[in-house]
Amino acid sequence: MTRIPIDATETLNDLVARMPEALPVLQQFGLDTCCGGSLPLEVAAQHHNLDVGDILAALVAATAMHTHPNPPSA
């Protein structure tokens, strides 16, 4: 099992698709996957005058309790 890296250039929709536990964190910051879901996290944060580092830290904390299967070996 491994933690999945979180990238600020990934869209909100992609983050939630990979890590459903990210949704409540995004909602706490006022970010939604409806109208802004196609935006990269860093752009959505800028639009809401939020610090992307704070969001990333909250996402890491929320996903730390969840482990995801290792990707299959090549």
N, C-alpha and C. Protein backbone atom coordinates (compact mmCIF):
# COMPACT_ATOMS: atom_id res chain seq x y z
N MET A 1 0.84 -1.18 0.00
CA MET A 1 0.00 0.00 0.00
C MET A 1 0.89 1.24 0.00
N THR A 2 0.39 2.27 -0.63
CA THR A 2 1.17 3.50 -0.71
C THR A 2 0.24 4.70 -0.73
N ARG A 3 0.79 5.84 -0.34
CA ARG A 3 0.03 7.08 -0.46
C ARG A 3 0.17 7.60 -1.87
N ILE A 4 -0.89 8.15 -2.37
CA ILE A 4 -0.88 8.71 -3.72
C ILE A 4 -0.40 10.16 -3.62
N PRO A 5 0.55 10.56 -4.47
CA PRO A 5 0.99 11.95 -4.44
C PRO A 5 -0.13 12.89 -4.86
N ILE A 6 -0.12 14.09 -4.29
CA ILE A 6 -1.12 15.09 -4.61
C ILE A 6 -0.43 16.22 -5.33
N ASP A 7 -0.93 16.56 -6.51
CA ASP A 7 -0.30 17.56 -7.37
C ASP A 7 -1.26 18.73 -7.56
N ALA A 8 -0.78 19.94 -7.29
CA ALA A 8 -1.62 21.14 -7.40
C ALA A 8 -2.04 21.44 -8.83
N THR A 9 -1.42 20.79 -9.81
CA THR A 9 -1.81 21.03 -11.20
C THR A 9 -2.93 20.08 -11.65
N GLU A 10 -3.29 19.15 -10.79
CA GLU A 10 -4.37 18.20 -11.09
C GLU A 10 -5.73 18.87 -10.88
N THR A 11 -6.70 18.55 -11.72
CA THR A 11 -8.02 19.17 -11.58
C THR A 11 -8.71 18.64 -10.32
N LEU A 12 -9.66 19.43 -9.83
CA LEU A 12 -10.43 19.02 -8.66
C LEU A 12 -11.16 17.71 -8.94
N ASN A 13 -11.74 17.59 -10.13
CA ASN A 13 -12.46 16.34 -10.48
C ASN A 13 -11.53 15.14 -10.46
N ASP A 14 -10.32 15.31 -11.00
CA ASP A 14 -9.37 14.19 -11.02
C ASP A 14 -8.93 13.81 -9.61
N LEU A 15 -8.71 14.81 -8.76
CA LEU A 15 -8.32 14.52 -7.38
C LEU A 15 -9.40 13.70 -6.67
N VAL A 16 -10.65 14.13 -6.82
CA VAL A 16 -11.76 13.44 -6.15
C VAL A 16 -11.98 12.04 -6.74
N ALA A 17 -11.78 11.91 -8.05
CA ALA A 17 -11.93 10.59 -8.67
C ALA A 17 -10.90 9.61 -8.13
N ARG A 18 -9.68 10.09 -7.90
CA ARG A 18 -8.63 9.22 -7.38
C ARG A 18 -8.73 9.01 -5.89
N MET A 19 -9.18 10.07 -5.19
CA MET A 19 -9.21 10.04 -3.73
C MET A 19 -10.53 10.64 -3.25
N PRO A 20 -11.58 9.86 -3.16
CA PRO A 20 -12.88 10.39 -2.73
C PRO A 20 -12.82 11.13 -1.39
N GLU A 21 -11.87 10.77 -0.54
CA GLU A 21 -11.74 11.43 0.76
C GLU A 21 -11.29 12.89 0.62
N ALA A 22 -10.90 13.29 -0.59
CA ALA A 22 -10.51 14.69 -0.83
C ALA A 22 -11.72 15.62 -0.92
N LEU A 23 -12.88 15.08 -1.26
CA LEU A 23 -14.06 15.93 -1.47
C LEU A 23 -14.42 16.77 -0.26
N PRO A 24 -14.55 16.19 0.94
CA PRO A 24 -14.92 17.04 2.08
C PRO A 24 -13.86 18.10 2.39
N VAL A 25 -12.61 17.79 2.12
CA VAL A 25 -11.54 18.78 2.35
C VAL A 25 -11.72 19.96 1.40
N LEU A 26 -11.94 19.67 0.13
CA LEU A 26 -12.14 20.73 -0.84
C LEU A 26 -13.36 21.57 -0.47
N GLN A 27 -14.41 20.91 -0.02
CA GLN A 27 -15.64 21.61 0.36
C GLN A 27 -15.40 22.53 1.56
N GLN A 28 -14.54 22.13 2.49
CA GLN A 28 -14.22 22.97 3.64
C GLN A 28 -13.58 24.29 3.20
N PHE A 29 -12.89 24.25 2.08
CA PHE A 29 -12.24 25.45 1.56
C PHE A 29 -13.15 26.21 0.58
N GLY A 30 -14.37 25.73 0.40
CA GLY A 30 -15.31 26.39 -0.50
C GLY A 30 -15.10 26.03 -1.96
N LEU A 31 -14.37 24.94 -2.21
CA LEU A 31 -14.12 24.49 -3.57
C LEU A 31 -15.08 23.36 -3.90
N ASP A 32 -15.66 23.40 -5.08
CA ASP A 32 -16.59 22.33 -5.46
C ASP A 32 -16.19 21.74 -6.80
N THR A 33 -16.74 20.57 -7.06
CA THR A 33 -16.43 19.87 -8.30
C THR A 33 -17.49 20.10 -9.36
N CYS A 34 -18.47 20.91 -9.05
CA CYS A 34 -19.53 21.20 -10.01
C CYS A 34 -19.05 22.22 -11.03
N CYS A 35 -19.00 23.45 -10.62
CA CYS A 35 -18.61 24.53 -11.54
C CYS A 35 -17.11 24.63 -11.71
N GLY A 36 -16.35 24.36 -10.65
CA GLY A 36 -14.90 24.52 -10.72
C GLY A 36 -14.13 23.22 -10.83
N GLY A 37 -14.83 22.12 -11.05
CA GLY A 37 -14.18 20.82 -11.06
C GLY A 37 -13.15 20.61 -12.14
N SER A 38 -13.28 21.33 -13.24
CA SER A 38 -12.33 21.15 -14.34
C SER A 38 -11.08 22.01 -14.17
N LEU A 39 -11.06 22.82 -13.10
CA LEU A 39 -9.90 23.68 -12.85
C LEU A 39 -8.82 22.92 -12.09
N PRO A 40 -7.55 23.21 -12.40
CA PRO A 40 -6.48 22.66 -11.56
C PRO A 40 -6.62 23.22 -10.14
N LEU A 41 -6.18 22.47 -9.16
CA LEU A 41 -6.27 22.89 -7.77
C LEU A 41 -5.65 24.26 -7.56
N GLU A 42 -4.48 24.49 -8.13
CA GLU A 42 -3.79 25.77 -7.92
C GLU A 42 -4.59 26.94 -8.49
N VAL A 43 -5.27 26.75 -9.61
CA VAL A 43 -6.07 27.82 -10.22
C VAL A 43 -7.33 28.06 -9.40
N ALA A 44 -7.99 26.98 -8.96
CA ALA A 44 -9.18 27.12 -8.13
C ALA A 44 -8.84 27.86 -6.83
N ALA A 45 -7.70 27.54 -6.26
CA ALA A 45 -7.27 28.22 -5.03
C ALA A 45 -7.07 29.72 -5.29
N GLN A 46 -6.43 30.06 -6.40
CA GLN A 46 -6.22 31.47 -6.74
C GLN A 46 -7.55 32.19 -6.92
N HIS A 47 -8.50 31.56 -7.58
CA HIS A 47 -9.81 32.17 -7.80
C HIS A 47 -10.53 32.49 -6.50
N HIS A 48 -10.24 31.72 -5.46
CA HIS A 48 -10.89 31.90 -4.16
C HIS A 48 -9.97 32.60 -3.15
N ASN A 49 -8.84 33.10 -3.63
CA ASN A 49 -7.85 33.77 -2.76
C ASN A 49 -7.43 32.87 -1.60
N LEU A 50 -7.18 31.61 -1.91
CA LEU A 50 -6.75 30.63 -0.92
C LEU A 50 -5.29 30.28 -1.13
N ASP A 51 -4.63 29.87 -0.07
CA ASP A 51 -3.25 29.41 -0.15
C ASP A 51 -3.26 27.94 -0.55
N VAL A 52 -2.72 27.64 -1.73
CA VAL A 52 -2.74 26.25 -2.20
C VAL A 52 -1.95 25.35 -1.26
N GLY A 53 -0.95 25.88 -0.59
CA GLY A 53 -0.19 25.08 0.38
C GLY A 53 -1.05 24.61 1.54
N ASP A 54 -1.96 25.47 2.00
CA ASP A 54 -2.88 25.07 3.07
C ASP A 54 -3.80 23.95 2.61
N ILE A 55 -4.27 24.06 1.38
CA ILE A 55 -5.16 23.03 0.85
C ILE A 55 -4.41 21.72 0.69
N LEU A 56 -3.21 21.79 0.14
CA LEU A 56 -2.41 20.57 -0.03
C LEU A 56 -2.14 19.90 1.31
N ALA A 57 -1.81 20.70 2.33
CA ALA A 57 -1.55 20.14 3.66
C ALA A 57 -2.79 19.44 4.20
N ALA A 58 -3.95 20.05 4.01
CA ALA A 58 -5.20 19.44 4.49
C ALA A 58 -5.51 18.15 3.72
N LEU A 59 -5.23 18.16 2.43
CA LEU A 59 -5.45 16.96 1.62
C LEU A 59 -4.52 15.83 2.06
N VAL A 60 -3.27 16.16 2.29
CA VAL A 60 -2.31 15.15 2.75
C VAL A 60 -2.76 14.57 4.08
N ALA A 61 -3.19 15.43 5.00
CA ALA A 61 -3.65 14.96 6.31
C ALA A 61 -4.87 14.06 6.17
N ALA A 62 -5.81 14.45 5.31
CA ALA A 62 -7.03 13.67 5.14
C ALA A 62 -6.77 12.32 4.48
N THR A 63 -5.81 12.29 3.58
CA THR A 63 -5.54 11.05 2.86
C THR A 63 -4.52 10.18 3.59
N ALA A 64 -3.88 10.71 4.63
CA ALA A 64 -2.88 9.93 5.37
C ALA A 64 -3.50 8.71 6.03
N MET A 65 -4.77 8.81 6.39
CA MET A 65 -5.44 7.69 7.04
C MET A 65 -5.88 6.64 6.03
N HIS A 66 -5.88 7.00 4.76
CA HIS A 66 -6.31 6.07 3.71
C HIS A 66 -5.07 5.63 2.94
N THR A 67 -5.00 4.35 2.69
CA THR A 67 -3.93 3.84 1.84
C THR A 67 -4.56 3.32 0.58
N HIS A 68 -3.82 3.40 -0.48
CA HIS A 68 -4.30 2.96 -1.78
C HIS A 68 -3.39 1.85 -2.28
N PRO A 69 -3.93 0.91 -3.01
CA PRO A 69 -3.11 -0.21 -3.51
C PRO A 69 -1.95 0.29 -4.36
N ASN A 70 -0.84 -0.39 -4.24
CA ASN A 70 0.30 -0.08 -5.10
C ASN A 70 -0.09 -0.33 -6.55
N PRO A 71 0.41 0.50 -7.46
CA PRO A 71 0.15 0.21 -8.86
C PRO A 71 0.82 -1.09 -9.25
N PRO A 72 0.28 -1.81 -10.20
CA PRO A 72 0.88 -3.09 -10.60
C PRO A 72 2.28 -2.86 -11.17
N SER A 73 3.16 -3.81 -10.91
CA SER A 73 4.53 -3.73 -11.44
C SER A 73 4.51 -4.00 -12.93
N ALA A 74 5.44 -3.35 -13.61
CA ALA A 74 5.52 -3.53 -15.07
C ALA A 74 6.16 -4.83 -15.42
